[in-house]
Amino acid sequence: MNGIGKTILLVDDDRQILESLKVILESEGYAVETAESGEEAVTKNKSNVFDAAFLDIRLPGMQGTELLAALHKESPGW
């Protein structure tokens, strides 16, 4: 698979998981942005266009399901 030109948002409060997934996805050609909280992900979504997002369900301050709804509201075409 060739991810060239595709950007992925990774959201997890575990920095080690974020870094591991980022390395794997970047080695496949994807551009990767990371966020350690739902609030950070919402902020990044306002200034970037993502092709996909991987969300942790349990996040500090905002659950992954709440984040999914917020991302969808901001970018309904996802």
C-alpha atoms as a PDB file:
ATOM      1  CA  MET A   1       0.000   0.000   0.000  1.00  0.00           C
ATOM      2  CA  ASN A   2       1.251   3.480  -0.831  1.00  0.00           C
ATOM      3  CA  GLY A   3       0.113   6.276   1.469  1.00  0.00           C
ATOM      4  CA  ILE A   4       1.822   9.089  -0.446  1.00  0.00           C
ATOM      5  CA  GLY A   5      -0.325  12.210  -0.273  1.00  0.00           C
ATOM      6  CA  LYS A   6      -2.568  10.888   2.498  1.00  0.00           C
ATOM      7  CA  THR A   7      -2.603  12.441   5.959  1.00  0.00           C
ATOM      8  CA  ILE A   8      -3.686  10.608   9.105  1.00  0.00           C
ATOM      9  CA  LEU A   9      -4.565  11.994  12.527  1.00  0.00           C
ATOM     10  CA  LEU A  10      -3.594   9.736  15.453  1.00  0.00           C
ATOM     11  CA  VAL A  11      -5.158  10.484  18.841  1.00  0.00           C
ATOM     12  CA  ASP A  12      -4.059   8.652  21.985  1.00  0.00           C
ATOM     13  CA  ASP A  13      -2.967   9.748  25.449  1.00  0.00           C
ATOM     14  CA  ASP A  14      -0.179   7.143  25.405  1.00  0.00           C
ATOM     15  CA  ARG A  15       2.820   8.812  23.761  1.00  0.00           C
ATOM     16  CA  GLN A  16       4.553   5.463  23.121  1.00  0.00           C
ATOM     17  CA  ILE A  17       1.587   4.173  21.119  1.00  0.00           C
ATOM     18  CA  LEU A  18       1.464   7.429  19.135  1.00  0.00           C
ATOM     19  CA  GLU A  19       5.152   7.278  18.289  1.00  0.00           C
ATOM     20  CA  SER A  20       5.034   3.581  17.330  1.00  0.00           C
ATOM     21  CA  LEU A  21       2.045   4.024  15.025  1.00  0.00           C
ATOM     22  CA  LYS A  22       3.539   7.205  13.553  1.00  0.00           C
ATOM     23  CA  VAL A  23       6.778   5.416  12.622  1.00  0.00           C
ATOM     24  CA  ILE A  24       4.887   2.536  11.018  1.00  0.00           C
ATOM     25  CA  LEU A  25       2.530   4.766   9.019  1.00  0.00           C
ATOM     26  CA  GLU A  26       5.252   7.165   7.913  1.00  0.00           C
ATOM     27  CA  SER A  27       7.316   4.220   6.667  1.00  0.00           C
ATOM     28  CA  GLU A  28       4.352   3.423   4.402  1.00  0.00           C
ATOM     29  CA  GLY A  29       4.356   6.960   2.997  1.00  0.00           C
ATOM     30  CA  TYR A  30       1.616   8.579   5.082  1.00  0.00           C
ATOM     31  CA  ALA A  31       1.928  12.032   6.602  1.00  0.00           C
ATOM     32  CA  VAL A  32       0.975  11.729  10.276  1.00  0.00           C
ATOM     33  CA  GLU A  33      -0.187  14.271  12.849  1.00  0.00           C
ATOM     34  CA  THR A  34      -0.579  13.246  16.479  1.00  0.00           C
ATOM     35  CA  ALA A  35      -2.640  14.545  19.384  1.00  0.00           C
ATOM     36  CA  GLU A  36      -2.653  13.434  23.009  1.00  0.00           C
ATOM     37  CA  SER A  37      -6.143  14.728  23.828  1.00  0.00           C
ATOM     38  CA  GLY A  38      -9.483  15.265  22.167  1.00  0.00           C
ATOM     39  CA  GLU A  39      -9.148  19.010  22.512  1.00  0.00           C
ATOM     40  CA  GLU A  40      -5.779  18.987  20.755  1.00  0.00           C
ATOM     41  CA  ALA A  41      -7.245  16.839  17.965  1.00  0.00           C
ATOM     42  CA  VAL A  42     -10.153  19.261  17.459  1.00  0.00           C
ATOM     43  CA  THR A  43      -7.701  22.165  17.227  1.00  0.00           C
ATOM     44  CA  LYS A  44      -5.532  20.339  14.685  1.00  0.00           C
ATOM     45  CA  ASN A  45      -8.599  19.372  12.663  1.00  0.00           C
ATOM     46  CA  LYS A  46      -9.516  23.056  12.278  1.00  0.00           C
ATOM     47  CA  SER A  47      -6.232  23.862  10.537  1.00  0.00           C
ATOM     48  CA  ASN A  48      -5.539  20.605   8.649  1.00  0.00           C
ATOM     49  CA  VAL A  49      -7.306  18.276   6.246  1.00  0.00           C
ATOM     50  CA  PHE A  50      -7.043  14.608   7.224  1.00  0.00           C
ATOM     51  CA  ASP A  51      -7.864  11.587   5.117  1.00  0.00           C
ATOM     52  CA  ALA A  52      -8.373   9.351   8.161  1.00  0.00           C
ATOM     53  CA  ALA A  53      -8.182   9.389  11.944  1.00  0.00           C
ATOM     54  CA  PHE A  54      -7.374   6.723  14.521  1.00  0.00           C
ATOM     55  CA  LEU A  55      -8.941   7.569  17.870  1.00  0.00           C
ATOM     56  CA  ASP A  56      -8.448   6.085  21.303  1.00  0.00           C
ATOM     57  CA  ILE A  57     -11.792   5.551  23.049  1.00  0.00           C
ATOM     58  CA  ARG A  58     -10.593   6.645  26.494  1.00  0.00           C
ATOM     59  CA  LEU A  59      -9.019  10.083  26.401  1.00  0.00           C
ATOM     60  CA  PRO A  60      -8.502  12.684  29.109  1.00  0.00           C
ATOM     61  CA  GLY A  61     -11.236  15.331  29.117  1.00  0.00           C
ATOM     62  CA  MET A  62     -13.167  13.916  26.155  1.00  0.00           C
ATOM     63  CA  GLN A  63     -14.087  10.362  25.225  1.00  0.00           C
ATOM     64  CA  GLY A  64     -13.213   9.089  21.760  1.00  0.00           C
ATOM     65  CA  THR A  65     -16.886   8.863  20.833  1.00  0.00           C
ATOM     66  CA  GLU A  66     -17.349  12.542  21.747  1.00  0.00           C
ATOM     67  CA  LEU A  67     -14.258  13.402  19.725  1.00  0.00           C
ATOM     68  CA  LEU A  68     -15.604  11.507  16.734  1.00  0.00           C
ATOM     69  CA  ALA A  69     -18.816  13.557  16.891  1.00  0.00           C
ATOM     70  CA  ALA A  70     -16.835  16.813  17.203  1.00  0.00           C
ATOM     71  CA  LEU A  71     -14.613  15.916  14.240  1.00  0.00           C
ATOM     72  CA  HIS A  72     -17.616  14.957  12.152  1.00  0.00           C
ATOM     73  CA  LYS A  73     -19.364  18.229  13.022  1.00  0.00           C
ATOM     74  CA  GLU A  74     -16.279  20.223  11.975  1.00  0.00           C
ATOM     75  CA  SER A  75     -15.619  18.100   8.848  1.00  0.00           C
ATOM     76  CA  PRO A  76     -18.896  16.417   7.843  1.00  0.00           C
ATOM     77  CA  GLY A  77     -17.389  14.975   4.655  1.00  0.00           C
ATOM     78  CA  TRP A  78     -15.301  12.519   6.686  1.00  0.00           C
END
